[in-house]
N, C-alpha and C. Protein backbone atom coordinates (compact mmCIF):
# COMPACT_ATOMS: atom_id res chain seq x y z
N MET A 1 -13.26 -7.50 -13.94
CA MET A 1 -13.58 -7.56 -12.51
C MET A 1 -14.15 -6.23 -12.05
N ASN A 2 -15.16 -6.30 -11.21
CA ASN A 2 -15.80 -5.08 -10.72
C ASN A 2 -14.85 -4.30 -9.82
N PRO A 3 -14.93 -2.97 -9.86
CA PRO A 3 -14.04 -2.15 -9.02
C PRO A 3 -14.31 -2.38 -7.54
N LYS A 4 -13.24 -2.32 -6.76
CA LYS A 4 -13.35 -2.51 -5.32
C LYS A 4 -13.39 -1.14 -4.63
N VAL A 5 -14.42 -0.93 -3.85
CA VAL A 5 -14.61 0.35 -3.17
C VAL A 5 -14.63 0.12 -1.67
N ALA A 6 -13.80 0.86 -0.96
CA ALA A 6 -13.78 0.81 0.50
C ALA A 6 -14.64 1.93 1.05
N VAL A 7 -15.62 1.59 1.87
CA VAL A 7 -16.50 2.57 2.50
C VAL A 7 -16.12 2.68 3.97
N ILE A 8 -15.81 3.88 4.41
CA ILE A 8 -15.31 4.09 5.77
C ILE A 8 -16.45 4.06 6.79
N ASP A 9 -16.29 3.20 7.78
CA ASP A 9 -17.21 3.15 8.91
C ASP A 9 -16.49 3.72 10.13
N TYR A 10 -16.84 4.95 10.50
CA TYR A 10 -16.21 5.60 11.65
C TYR A 10 -17.20 5.77 12.79
N GLY A 11 -18.27 4.96 12.74
CA GLY A 11 -19.21 4.94 13.86
C GLY A 11 -20.45 5.77 13.69
N MET A 12 -20.60 6.43 12.54
CA MET A 12 -21.81 7.22 12.31
C MET A 12 -21.99 7.38 10.80
N GLY A 13 -23.18 7.77 10.39
CA GLY A 13 -23.38 8.06 8.97
C GLY A 13 -24.31 7.08 8.29
N ASN A 14 -24.55 7.36 7.04
CA ASN A 14 -25.48 6.59 6.21
C ASN A 14 -24.75 5.44 5.53
N LEU A 15 -24.10 4.63 6.35
CA LEU A 15 -23.20 3.58 5.85
C LEU A 15 -23.93 2.55 5.00
N ARG A 16 -25.01 2.04 5.49
CA ARG A 16 -25.69 0.94 4.81
C ARG A 16 -26.26 1.37 3.46
N SER A 17 -26.91 2.53 3.42
CA SER A 17 -27.53 2.96 2.17
C SER A 17 -26.50 3.30 1.11
N VAL A 18 -25.37 3.90 1.52
CA VAL A 18 -24.31 4.21 0.56
C VAL A 18 -23.68 2.92 0.04
N SER A 19 -23.39 1.99 0.93
CA SER A 19 -22.78 0.72 0.52
C SER A 19 -23.70 -0.04 -0.42
N LYS A 20 -24.98 -0.09 -0.09
CA LYS A 20 -25.95 -0.80 -0.93
C LYS A 20 -26.04 -0.16 -2.30
N ALA A 21 -26.03 1.16 -2.36
CA ALA A 21 -26.13 1.86 -3.64
C ALA A 21 -24.94 1.52 -4.53
N PHE A 22 -23.75 1.50 -3.96
CA PHE A 22 -22.57 1.16 -4.75
C PHE A 22 -22.61 -0.29 -5.21
N GLU A 23 -23.13 -1.17 -4.38
CA GLU A 23 -23.27 -2.57 -4.79
C GLU A 23 -24.24 -2.70 -5.96
N VAL A 24 -25.34 -1.97 -5.89
CA VAL A 24 -26.33 -1.98 -6.98
C VAL A 24 -25.68 -1.50 -8.28
N CYS A 25 -24.74 -0.55 -8.15
CA CYS A 25 -24.07 0.00 -9.32
C CYS A 25 -22.93 -0.89 -9.83
N GLY A 26 -22.67 -2.00 -9.13
CA GLY A 26 -21.70 -2.96 -9.63
C GLY A 26 -20.37 -3.00 -8.92
N ALA A 27 -20.24 -2.30 -7.80
CA ALA A 27 -18.97 -2.30 -7.08
C ALA A 27 -18.88 -3.45 -6.10
N GLN A 28 -17.66 -3.90 -5.86
CA GLN A 28 -17.37 -4.77 -4.73
C GLN A 28 -17.10 -3.86 -3.53
N VAL A 29 -17.94 -3.92 -2.52
CA VAL A 29 -17.85 -2.99 -1.40
C VAL A 29 -17.23 -3.66 -0.19
N GLU A 30 -16.24 -3.01 0.38
CA GLU A 30 -15.61 -3.45 1.62
C GLU A 30 -15.77 -2.34 2.64
N ILE A 31 -16.43 -2.64 3.75
CA ILE A 31 -16.58 -1.66 4.82
C ILE A 31 -15.35 -1.73 5.72
N ILE A 32 -14.69 -0.59 5.91
CA ILE A 32 -13.45 -0.59 6.69
C ILE A 32 -13.59 0.26 7.94
N THR A 33 -12.91 -0.16 9.00
CA THR A 33 -12.93 0.56 10.28
C THR A 33 -11.53 0.94 10.73
N GLY A 34 -10.52 0.66 9.90
CA GLY A 34 -9.15 1.00 10.25
C GLY A 34 -8.25 0.98 9.04
N PRO A 35 -7.07 1.57 9.14
CA PRO A 35 -6.18 1.70 7.98
C PRO A 35 -5.67 0.37 7.44
N ASP A 36 -5.62 -0.66 8.28
CA ASP A 36 -5.09 -1.95 7.83
C ASP A 36 -6.08 -2.72 6.97
N GLU A 37 -7.32 -2.26 6.90
CA GLU A 37 -8.35 -3.00 6.19
C GLU A 37 -8.56 -2.53 4.76
N ILE A 38 -7.87 -1.46 4.37
CA ILE A 38 -8.13 -0.88 3.05
C ILE A 38 -7.62 -1.77 1.93
N LYS A 39 -6.59 -2.54 2.18
CA LYS A 39 -6.08 -3.56 1.28
C LYS A 39 -5.90 -3.03 -0.13
N ASP A 40 -6.55 -3.71 -1.09
CA ASP A 40 -6.34 -3.38 -2.50
C ASP A 40 -7.53 -2.62 -3.09
N ALA A 41 -8.15 -1.76 -2.30
CA ALA A 41 -9.30 -0.99 -2.78
C ALA A 41 -8.89 -0.06 -3.91
N ASP A 42 -9.81 0.12 -4.85
CA ASP A 42 -9.58 1.01 -5.98
C ASP A 42 -10.15 2.40 -5.74
N GLY A 43 -11.18 2.49 -4.91
CA GLY A 43 -11.82 3.76 -4.60
C GLY A 43 -12.13 3.83 -3.12
N LEU A 44 -12.19 5.03 -2.59
CA LEU A 44 -12.47 5.25 -1.17
C LEU A 44 -13.68 6.16 -1.04
N VAL A 45 -14.60 5.79 -0.13
CA VAL A 45 -15.83 6.56 0.06
C VAL A 45 -15.96 6.96 1.52
N LEU A 46 -16.22 8.24 1.75
CA LEU A 46 -16.46 8.76 3.11
C LEU A 46 -17.90 9.25 3.19
N PRO A 47 -18.79 8.44 3.76
CA PRO A 47 -20.19 8.87 3.91
C PRO A 47 -20.35 9.67 5.20
N GLY A 48 -21.56 10.13 5.46
CA GLY A 48 -21.74 10.80 6.73
C GLY A 48 -23.01 11.61 6.86
N VAL A 49 -23.59 11.53 8.03
CA VAL A 49 -24.66 12.43 8.45
C VAL A 49 -24.39 12.76 9.91
N GLY A 50 -24.81 13.94 10.35
CA GLY A 50 -24.61 14.31 11.74
C GLY A 50 -23.72 15.53 11.88
N ALA A 51 -22.98 15.59 12.98
CA ALA A 51 -22.16 16.75 13.30
C ALA A 51 -20.71 16.52 12.88
N LEU A 52 -20.07 17.57 12.37
CA LEU A 52 -18.70 17.45 11.87
C LEU A 52 -17.72 17.08 12.97
N GLY A 53 -17.88 17.64 14.16
CA GLY A 53 -16.97 17.32 15.24
C GLY A 53 -16.95 15.84 15.54
N ASP A 54 -18.12 15.21 15.55
CA ASP A 54 -18.21 13.77 15.79
C ASP A 54 -17.57 12.98 14.66
N CYS A 55 -17.72 13.48 13.45
CA CYS A 55 -17.13 12.83 12.28
C CYS A 55 -15.61 12.81 12.39
N VAL A 56 -15.02 13.96 12.66
CA VAL A 56 -13.56 14.05 12.74
C VAL A 56 -13.04 13.20 13.90
N GLU A 57 -13.75 13.23 15.03
CA GLU A 57 -13.35 12.44 16.18
C GLU A 57 -13.43 10.95 15.86
N GLY A 58 -14.48 10.55 15.14
CA GLY A 58 -14.61 9.15 14.75
C GLY A 58 -13.49 8.70 13.84
N LEU A 59 -13.12 9.54 12.88
CA LEU A 59 -12.01 9.21 11.99
C LEU A 59 -10.70 9.13 12.77
N ARG A 60 -10.54 10.02 13.73
CA ARG A 60 -9.32 10.00 14.55
C ARG A 60 -9.25 8.71 15.38
N ASN A 61 -10.36 8.33 15.97
CA ASN A 61 -10.39 7.12 16.79
C ASN A 61 -10.11 5.86 15.96
N CYS A 62 -10.52 5.90 14.70
CA CYS A 62 -10.28 4.76 13.81
C CYS A 62 -8.91 4.83 13.13
N ARG A 63 -8.15 5.86 13.42
CA ARG A 63 -6.82 6.07 12.84
C ARG A 63 -6.89 6.17 11.30
N LEU A 64 -7.93 6.82 10.82
CA LEU A 64 -8.15 6.89 9.38
C LEU A 64 -7.93 8.28 8.78
N ILE A 65 -7.59 9.25 9.61
CA ILE A 65 -7.36 10.59 9.07
C ILE A 65 -6.19 10.59 8.10
N ASP A 66 -5.09 9.98 8.50
CA ASP A 66 -3.92 9.92 7.61
C ASP A 66 -4.24 9.17 6.32
N THR A 67 -5.07 8.14 6.43
CA THR A 67 -5.46 7.36 5.25
C THR A 67 -6.21 8.22 4.25
N VAL A 68 -7.17 8.99 4.74
CA VAL A 68 -7.95 9.86 3.86
C VAL A 68 -7.05 10.93 3.25
N GLU A 69 -6.20 11.53 4.07
CA GLU A 69 -5.33 12.61 3.58
C GLU A 69 -4.36 12.09 2.51
N SER A 70 -3.74 10.96 2.75
CA SER A 70 -2.76 10.44 1.79
C SER A 70 -3.44 9.94 0.52
N TRP A 71 -4.64 9.38 0.66
CA TRP A 71 -5.39 8.90 -0.50
C TRP A 71 -5.70 10.07 -1.45
N ILE A 72 -6.18 11.15 -0.88
CA ILE A 72 -6.52 12.32 -1.68
C ILE A 72 -5.26 12.99 -2.23
N ALA A 73 -4.20 13.03 -1.43
CA ALA A 73 -2.94 13.61 -1.89
C ALA A 73 -2.39 12.86 -3.10
N ASP A 74 -2.65 11.57 -3.15
CA ASP A 74 -2.20 10.75 -4.28
C ASP A 74 -3.16 10.80 -5.46
N ASP A 75 -4.22 11.60 -5.33
CA ASP A 75 -5.23 11.77 -6.38
C ASP A 75 -5.86 10.44 -6.78
N ARG A 76 -6.13 9.63 -5.78
CA ARG A 76 -6.84 8.37 -6.03
C ARG A 76 -8.34 8.62 -5.93
N PRO A 77 -9.17 7.83 -6.62
CA PRO A 77 -10.61 8.09 -6.65
C PRO A 77 -11.23 8.09 -5.25
N PHE A 78 -11.88 9.19 -4.94
CA PHE A 78 -12.48 9.40 -3.62
C PHE A 78 -13.85 10.02 -3.80
N PHE A 79 -14.82 9.57 -3.00
CA PHE A 79 -16.16 10.16 -3.03
C PHE A 79 -16.58 10.47 -1.60
N GLY A 80 -16.83 11.75 -1.32
CA GLY A 80 -17.34 12.18 -0.02
C GLY A 80 -18.81 12.54 -0.13
N VAL A 81 -19.61 12.08 0.82
CA VAL A 81 -21.06 12.30 0.77
C VAL A 81 -21.50 13.12 1.97
N CYS A 82 -22.14 14.26 1.72
CA CYS A 82 -22.73 15.11 2.74
C CYS A 82 -21.69 15.52 3.79
N LEU A 83 -21.72 14.94 4.97
CA LEU A 83 -20.73 15.26 5.99
C LEU A 83 -19.32 14.88 5.53
N GLY A 84 -19.24 13.87 4.68
CA GLY A 84 -17.97 13.48 4.11
C GLY A 84 -17.42 14.50 3.13
N PHE A 85 -18.25 15.40 2.67
CA PHE A 85 -17.84 16.55 1.87
C PHE A 85 -17.37 17.67 2.79
N GLN A 86 -18.17 18.00 3.79
CA GLN A 86 -17.84 19.09 4.70
C GLN A 86 -16.55 18.83 5.47
N ALA A 87 -16.27 17.57 5.78
CA ALA A 87 -15.10 17.22 6.58
C ALA A 87 -13.79 17.55 5.90
N LEU A 88 -13.81 17.73 4.59
CA LEU A 88 -12.58 17.97 3.84
C LEU A 88 -12.04 19.38 4.02
N TYR A 89 -12.82 20.28 4.66
CA TYR A 89 -12.45 21.69 4.72
C TYR A 89 -11.88 22.09 6.09
N ASP A 90 -11.42 23.34 6.16
CA ASP A 90 -10.65 23.81 7.31
C ASP A 90 -11.46 23.91 8.60
N PHE A 91 -12.66 24.47 8.49
CA PHE A 91 -13.36 24.88 9.71
C PHE A 91 -14.86 24.86 9.47
N SER A 92 -15.61 24.53 10.52
CA SER A 92 -17.07 24.54 10.43
C SER A 92 -17.66 25.40 11.53
N GLU A 93 -18.66 26.18 11.17
CA GLU A 93 -19.39 26.98 12.16
C GLU A 93 -20.23 26.08 13.07
N GLU A 94 -20.47 24.85 12.66
CA GLU A 94 -21.22 23.91 13.48
C GLU A 94 -20.34 23.44 14.63
N GLY A 95 -20.49 24.05 15.78
CA GLY A 95 -19.68 23.70 16.93
C GLY A 95 -18.30 24.34 16.92
N SER A 96 -18.03 25.20 15.94
CA SER A 96 -16.73 25.87 15.81
C SER A 96 -15.59 24.85 15.88
N VAL A 97 -15.64 23.87 14.99
CA VAL A 97 -14.64 22.80 14.99
C VAL A 97 -13.81 22.84 13.72
N ARG A 98 -12.62 22.27 13.80
CA ARG A 98 -11.75 22.17 12.64
C ARG A 98 -12.03 20.88 11.90
N GLY A 99 -12.02 21.00 10.55
CA GLY A 99 -12.16 19.82 9.72
C GLY A 99 -10.79 19.25 9.42
N LEU A 100 -10.71 18.46 8.36
CA LEU A 100 -9.44 17.82 7.99
C LEU A 100 -8.48 18.79 7.31
N GLY A 101 -9.01 19.88 6.77
CA GLY A 101 -8.15 20.89 6.15
C GLY A 101 -7.48 20.42 4.88
N ILE A 102 -8.08 19.49 4.19
CA ILE A 102 -7.51 19.00 2.92
C ILE A 102 -7.67 20.06 1.83
N PHE A 103 -8.80 20.75 1.87
CA PHE A 103 -9.05 21.86 0.96
C PHE A 103 -9.33 23.12 1.78
N PRO A 104 -8.91 24.29 1.29
CA PRO A 104 -9.17 25.52 2.03
C PRO A 104 -10.63 25.96 1.87
N GLY A 105 -11.21 26.36 2.97
CA GLY A 105 -12.60 26.81 2.93
C GLY A 105 -13.28 26.56 4.27
N ARG A 106 -14.51 27.05 4.37
CA ARG A 106 -15.26 26.96 5.61
C ARG A 106 -16.64 26.36 5.36
N VAL A 107 -17.16 25.75 6.38
CA VAL A 107 -18.54 25.25 6.37
C VAL A 107 -19.38 26.24 7.16
N LYS A 108 -20.38 26.81 6.50
CA LYS A 108 -21.16 27.89 7.08
C LYS A 108 -22.61 27.46 7.30
N GLN A 109 -23.25 28.11 8.26
CA GLN A 109 -24.65 27.85 8.54
C GLN A 109 -25.53 28.67 7.59
N PHE A 110 -26.59 28.06 7.10
CA PHE A 110 -27.55 28.81 6.29
C PHE A 110 -28.15 29.94 7.12
N ARG A 111 -28.13 31.13 6.55
CA ARG A 111 -28.83 32.28 7.14
C ARG A 111 -29.68 32.86 6.02
N LEU A 112 -30.95 32.47 6.02
CA LEU A 112 -31.82 32.72 4.88
C LEU A 112 -33.08 33.47 5.31
N PRO A 113 -33.77 34.09 4.37
CA PRO A 113 -35.07 34.69 4.68
C PRO A 113 -36.04 33.64 5.21
N GLU A 114 -37.04 34.08 5.94
CA GLU A 114 -37.98 33.16 6.59
C GLU A 114 -38.74 32.29 5.59
N THR A 115 -38.77 32.69 4.34
CA THR A 115 -39.47 31.89 3.34
C THR A 115 -38.73 30.58 3.02
N TYR A 116 -37.48 30.49 3.44
CA TYR A 116 -36.69 29.28 3.22
C TYR A 116 -36.55 28.52 4.54
N LYS A 117 -36.88 27.25 4.50
CA LYS A 117 -36.78 26.43 5.70
C LYS A 117 -35.36 25.89 5.86
N VAL A 118 -34.91 25.84 7.09
CA VAL A 118 -33.63 25.23 7.43
C VAL A 118 -33.91 24.18 8.52
N PRO A 119 -33.49 22.92 8.32
CA PRO A 119 -32.57 22.47 7.27
C PRO A 119 -33.17 22.49 5.87
N HIS A 120 -32.29 22.62 4.91
CA HIS A 120 -32.63 22.45 3.50
C HIS A 120 -32.85 20.96 3.29
N MET A 121 -34.11 20.58 3.10
CA MET A 121 -34.45 19.17 3.04
C MET A 121 -35.36 18.91 1.84
N GLY A 122 -34.96 17.96 1.01
CA GLY A 122 -35.79 17.58 -0.13
C GLY A 122 -35.02 17.67 -1.43
N TRP A 123 -35.76 17.72 -2.52
CA TRP A 123 -35.19 17.66 -3.85
C TRP A 123 -34.87 19.06 -4.37
N ASN A 124 -33.72 19.16 -5.03
CA ASN A 124 -33.34 20.43 -5.62
C ASN A 124 -32.46 20.16 -6.84
N SER A 125 -32.53 21.06 -7.80
CA SER A 125 -31.74 20.92 -9.01
C SER A 125 -30.29 21.30 -8.75
N VAL A 126 -29.41 20.77 -9.59
CA VAL A 126 -27.96 20.99 -9.45
C VAL A 126 -27.40 21.38 -10.81
N GLU A 127 -26.61 22.44 -10.82
CA GLU A 127 -25.97 22.90 -12.06
C GLU A 127 -24.53 22.39 -12.09
N PHE A 128 -24.10 21.89 -13.26
CA PHE A 128 -22.75 21.38 -13.43
C PHE A 128 -21.88 22.42 -14.12
N SER A 129 -20.65 22.56 -13.69
CA SER A 129 -19.77 23.57 -14.29
C SER A 129 -19.18 23.10 -15.62
N ASP A 130 -19.13 21.79 -15.84
CA ASP A 130 -18.59 21.24 -17.08
C ASP A 130 -19.52 20.14 -17.57
N LEU A 131 -20.30 20.45 -18.59
CA LEU A 131 -21.31 19.51 -19.07
C LEU A 131 -20.69 18.30 -19.76
N ASP A 132 -19.43 18.40 -20.17
CA ASP A 132 -18.78 17.32 -20.90
C ASP A 132 -17.94 16.41 -20.01
N ASP A 133 -17.88 16.71 -18.72
CA ASP A 133 -17.08 15.87 -17.84
C ASP A 133 -17.75 14.49 -17.70
N PRO A 134 -16.97 13.41 -17.77
CA PRO A 134 -17.54 12.07 -17.66
C PRO A 134 -18.28 11.81 -16.35
N ILE A 135 -17.99 12.56 -15.30
CA ILE A 135 -18.65 12.32 -14.02
C ILE A 135 -20.15 12.64 -14.10
N VAL A 136 -20.56 13.46 -15.06
CA VAL A 136 -21.99 13.78 -15.20
C VAL A 136 -22.57 13.24 -16.51
N GLU A 137 -21.94 12.21 -17.05
CA GLU A 137 -22.47 11.58 -18.25
C GLU A 137 -23.90 11.09 -18.00
N SER A 138 -24.79 11.34 -18.93
CA SER A 138 -26.21 10.95 -18.87
C SER A 138 -27.01 11.72 -17.82
N LEU A 139 -26.42 12.78 -17.26
CA LEU A 139 -27.14 13.64 -16.33
C LEU A 139 -27.39 15.00 -16.97
N SER A 140 -28.43 15.69 -16.51
CA SER A 140 -28.83 16.95 -17.11
C SER A 140 -28.66 18.10 -16.11
N SER A 141 -27.74 19.00 -16.42
CA SER A 141 -27.47 20.14 -15.55
C SER A 141 -28.71 21.01 -15.41
N SER A 142 -29.00 21.41 -14.18
CA SER A 142 -30.11 22.30 -13.83
C SER A 142 -31.49 21.66 -13.98
N ASN A 143 -31.54 20.43 -14.49
CA ASN A 143 -32.82 19.74 -14.66
C ASN A 143 -32.95 18.56 -13.70
N ASP A 144 -31.95 17.72 -13.67
CA ASP A 144 -31.99 16.59 -12.75
C ASP A 144 -31.91 17.06 -11.31
N GLN A 145 -32.69 16.41 -10.46
CA GLN A 145 -32.74 16.83 -9.05
C GLN A 145 -32.14 15.75 -8.14
N PHE A 146 -31.49 16.23 -7.10
CA PHE A 146 -30.87 15.36 -6.10
C PHE A 146 -31.46 15.68 -4.73
N TYR A 147 -31.27 14.74 -3.80
CA TYR A 147 -31.89 14.88 -2.48
C TYR A 147 -30.90 15.46 -1.46
N PHE A 148 -31.35 16.50 -0.76
CA PHE A 148 -30.54 17.20 0.23
C PHE A 148 -31.14 17.08 1.63
N VAL A 149 -30.27 17.03 2.63
CA VAL A 149 -30.66 17.20 4.03
C VAL A 149 -29.48 17.85 4.75
N HIS A 150 -29.54 19.17 4.97
CA HIS A 150 -28.42 19.84 5.63
C HIS A 150 -28.80 21.24 6.08
N SER A 151 -28.13 21.69 7.13
CA SER A 151 -28.30 23.05 7.65
C SER A 151 -27.05 23.90 7.44
N TYR A 152 -25.96 23.25 7.01
CA TYR A 152 -24.69 23.92 6.77
C TYR A 152 -24.23 23.62 5.36
N TYR A 153 -23.47 24.53 4.79
CA TYR A 153 -23.00 24.36 3.41
C TYR A 153 -21.52 24.74 3.32
N VAL A 154 -20.85 24.19 2.33
CA VAL A 154 -19.42 24.45 2.13
C VAL A 154 -19.21 25.72 1.32
N ASP A 155 -18.32 26.56 1.80
CA ASP A 155 -17.89 27.75 1.06
C ASP A 155 -16.40 27.57 0.73
N PRO A 156 -16.09 26.92 -0.41
CA PRO A 156 -14.69 26.65 -0.72
C PRO A 156 -13.93 27.91 -1.10
N GLN A 157 -12.69 27.99 -0.69
CA GLN A 157 -11.87 29.14 -1.04
C GLN A 157 -11.60 29.18 -2.55
N ASP A 158 -11.43 28.01 -3.13
CA ASP A 158 -11.23 27.90 -4.57
C ASP A 158 -12.59 27.74 -5.24
N GLU A 159 -13.13 28.82 -5.75
CA GLU A 159 -14.46 28.78 -6.35
C GLU A 159 -14.52 27.86 -7.57
N LYS A 160 -13.39 27.71 -8.25
CA LYS A 160 -13.37 26.87 -9.45
C LYS A 160 -13.57 25.39 -9.12
N SER A 161 -13.33 25.02 -7.87
CA SER A 161 -13.50 23.62 -7.48
C SER A 161 -14.96 23.23 -7.36
N ALA A 162 -15.85 24.24 -7.29
CA ALA A 162 -17.28 23.97 -7.11
C ALA A 162 -17.89 23.49 -8.43
N PHE A 163 -17.78 22.20 -8.65
CA PHE A 163 -18.28 21.60 -9.88
C PHE A 163 -19.81 21.57 -9.90
N PHE A 164 -20.40 21.35 -8.72
CA PHE A 164 -21.86 21.30 -8.58
C PHE A 164 -22.32 22.55 -7.81
N LYS A 165 -23.37 23.20 -8.29
CA LYS A 165 -23.92 24.37 -7.60
C LYS A 165 -25.43 24.27 -7.52
N THR A 166 -25.97 24.78 -6.41
CA THR A 166 -27.41 24.73 -6.17
C THR A 166 -27.89 26.07 -5.62
N ASP A 167 -29.07 26.46 -6.02
CA ASP A 167 -29.67 27.70 -5.55
C ASP A 167 -30.72 27.39 -4.49
N TYR A 168 -30.45 27.77 -3.25
CA TYR A 168 -31.43 27.68 -2.18
C TYR A 168 -31.28 28.94 -1.33
N GLY A 169 -32.00 29.97 -1.70
CA GLY A 169 -31.85 31.27 -1.05
C GLY A 169 -30.67 32.03 -1.60
N HIS A 170 -29.61 31.34 -1.89
CA HIS A 170 -28.44 31.86 -2.60
C HIS A 170 -27.74 30.66 -3.23
N VAL A 171 -26.88 30.92 -4.18
CA VAL A 171 -26.17 29.84 -4.85
C VAL A 171 -25.01 29.38 -3.96
N PHE A 172 -24.93 28.09 -3.72
CA PHE A 172 -23.85 27.53 -2.91
C PHE A 172 -23.23 26.33 -3.61
N ALA A 173 -22.03 25.98 -3.19
CA ALA A 173 -21.33 24.82 -3.75
C ALA A 173 -21.96 23.55 -3.19
N SER A 174 -22.65 22.81 -4.04
CA SER A 174 -23.26 21.56 -3.58
C SER A 174 -22.39 20.35 -3.90
N GLY A 175 -21.17 20.61 -4.39
CA GLY A 175 -20.24 19.52 -4.63
C GLY A 175 -19.00 20.02 -5.35
N ILE A 176 -17.95 19.22 -5.27
CA ILE A 176 -16.69 19.57 -5.92
C ILE A 176 -16.19 18.41 -6.77
N LYS A 177 -15.33 18.76 -7.70
CA LYS A 177 -14.53 17.77 -8.42
C LYS A 177 -13.13 18.35 -8.54
N VAL A 178 -12.19 17.73 -7.86
CA VAL A 178 -10.80 18.16 -7.88
C VAL A 178 -9.97 16.94 -8.26
N GLY A 179 -9.55 16.87 -9.51
CA GLY A 179 -8.88 15.66 -9.97
C GLY A 179 -9.81 14.47 -9.87
N ASN A 180 -9.40 13.46 -9.12
CA ASN A 180 -10.22 12.26 -8.93
C ASN A 180 -11.02 12.30 -7.63
N VAL A 181 -11.09 13.47 -7.02
CA VAL A 181 -11.87 13.64 -5.80
C VAL A 181 -13.23 14.22 -6.15
N ILE A 182 -14.27 13.48 -5.79
CA ILE A 182 -15.65 13.95 -5.95
C ILE A 182 -16.27 14.01 -4.56
N ALA A 183 -16.99 15.07 -4.26
CA ALA A 183 -17.69 15.14 -2.98
C ALA A 183 -18.94 15.98 -3.18
N THR A 184 -20.04 15.55 -2.58
CA THR A 184 -21.32 16.22 -2.80
C THR A 184 -22.03 16.48 -1.48
N GLN A 185 -22.73 17.62 -1.40
CA GLN A 185 -23.57 17.89 -0.25
C GLN A 185 -24.84 17.07 -0.31
N PHE A 186 -25.34 16.83 -1.49
CA PHE A 186 -26.54 16.01 -1.66
C PHE A 186 -26.20 14.53 -1.50
N HIS A 187 -27.24 13.74 -1.35
CA HIS A 187 -27.09 12.30 -1.13
C HIS A 187 -27.44 11.54 -2.42
N PRO A 188 -26.44 11.09 -3.18
CA PRO A 188 -26.77 10.30 -4.38
C PRO A 188 -27.55 9.03 -4.04
N GLU A 189 -27.22 8.41 -2.91
CA GLU A 189 -27.89 7.14 -2.55
C GLU A 189 -29.36 7.33 -2.23
N LYS A 190 -29.78 8.58 -1.98
CA LYS A 190 -31.20 8.87 -1.73
C LYS A 190 -31.87 9.52 -2.93
N SER A 191 -31.10 9.66 -4.02
CA SER A 191 -31.59 10.40 -5.18
C SER A 191 -32.04 9.49 -6.32
N GLN A 192 -32.39 8.27 -5.97
CA GLN A 192 -32.98 7.32 -6.91
C GLN A 192 -32.11 7.14 -8.16
N LYS A 193 -32.74 7.05 -9.31
CA LYS A 193 -32.03 6.73 -10.55
C LYS A 193 -30.92 7.74 -10.86
N ILE A 194 -31.20 9.01 -10.61
CA ILE A 194 -30.22 10.07 -10.91
C ILE A 194 -28.96 9.90 -10.06
N GLY A 195 -29.16 9.62 -8.78
CA GLY A 195 -28.02 9.44 -7.89
C GLY A 195 -27.21 8.21 -8.24
N LEU A 196 -27.88 7.12 -8.62
CA LEU A 196 -27.16 5.91 -9.00
C LEU A 196 -26.35 6.14 -10.28
N THR A 197 -26.86 6.98 -11.16
CA THR A 197 -26.10 7.31 -12.37
C THR A 197 -24.80 8.00 -12.01
N LEU A 198 -24.84 8.91 -11.03
CA LEU A 198 -23.62 9.59 -10.59
C LEU A 198 -22.65 8.59 -9.98
N TYR A 199 -23.13 7.65 -9.18
CA TYR A 199 -22.26 6.64 -8.59
C TYR A 199 -21.66 5.74 -9.68
N ARG A 200 -22.44 5.40 -10.67
CA ARG A 200 -21.90 4.58 -11.77
C ARG A 200 -20.81 5.33 -12.52
N ASN A 201 -21.01 6.61 -12.71
CA ASN A 201 -19.98 7.41 -13.39
C ASN A 201 -18.70 7.46 -12.55
N PHE A 202 -18.86 7.53 -11.23
CA PHE A 202 -17.68 7.50 -10.37
C PHE A 202 -16.96 6.16 -10.49
N LEU A 203 -17.70 5.09 -10.59
CA LEU A 203 -17.07 3.77 -10.71
C LEU A 203 -16.32 3.65 -12.04
N LYS A 204 -16.81 4.29 -13.07
CA LYS A 204 -16.07 4.33 -14.34
C LYS A 204 -14.75 5.06 -14.15
N LEU A 205 -14.78 6.16 -13.39
CA LEU A 205 -13.56 6.89 -13.09
C LEU A 205 -12.59 5.99 -12.33
N VAL A 206 -13.12 5.21 -11.39
CA VAL A 206 -12.29 4.28 -10.62
C VAL A 206 -11.62 3.27 -11.55
N GLU A 207 -12.39 2.74 -12.48
CA GLU A 207 -11.86 1.72 -13.39
C GLU A 207 -10.78 2.29 -14.32
N ASN A 208 -10.90 3.57 -14.64
CA ASN A 208 -9.98 4.18 -15.61
C ASN A 208 -8.76 4.82 -14.96
N SER A 209 -8.71 4.78 -13.62
CA SER A 209 -7.61 5.45 -12.92
C SER A 209 -6.42 4.49 -12.69
């Protein structure tokens, strides 16, 4: 049976494209708007585009903050996308708002030389910290490119958690892997074949957990 993935709908974000991508990769997708709808999901996905303050407020209104926190605390398979990555940290310079504080660190605004455009938009290569990890099976570190759209980046307190790194004016954490928690600044659902490969690898993790 295909793994069941719950995708959180908190009123904003790239919900449709993320859900469709996971369906293409073979998942049974359930879009949830509250804690009672998560049922027997095997994996949880937090998508997102926009401002972090709106994201946290949307999760609060849907009564899903505790759900996300307990899911991650139990080390169950979780995938955060873009804003869903930034939301996991303590504080964001975007509006000076607090995130969920699941992991220590801050979300900072790009301050780059004029030769670099902000937002960082388009394709960029990503380096993996562990080439043998199953989450990057069939992917090529520093060669495969993923699609980015963001003006802020995560600066995790635990540097070892930065499984994915990207150089745009300076090297920043473009994603983490902490146990069964995966979260990326880039958008796998917009990254064509390469992004779908990452989602398929996540679904394998879901099946094996």
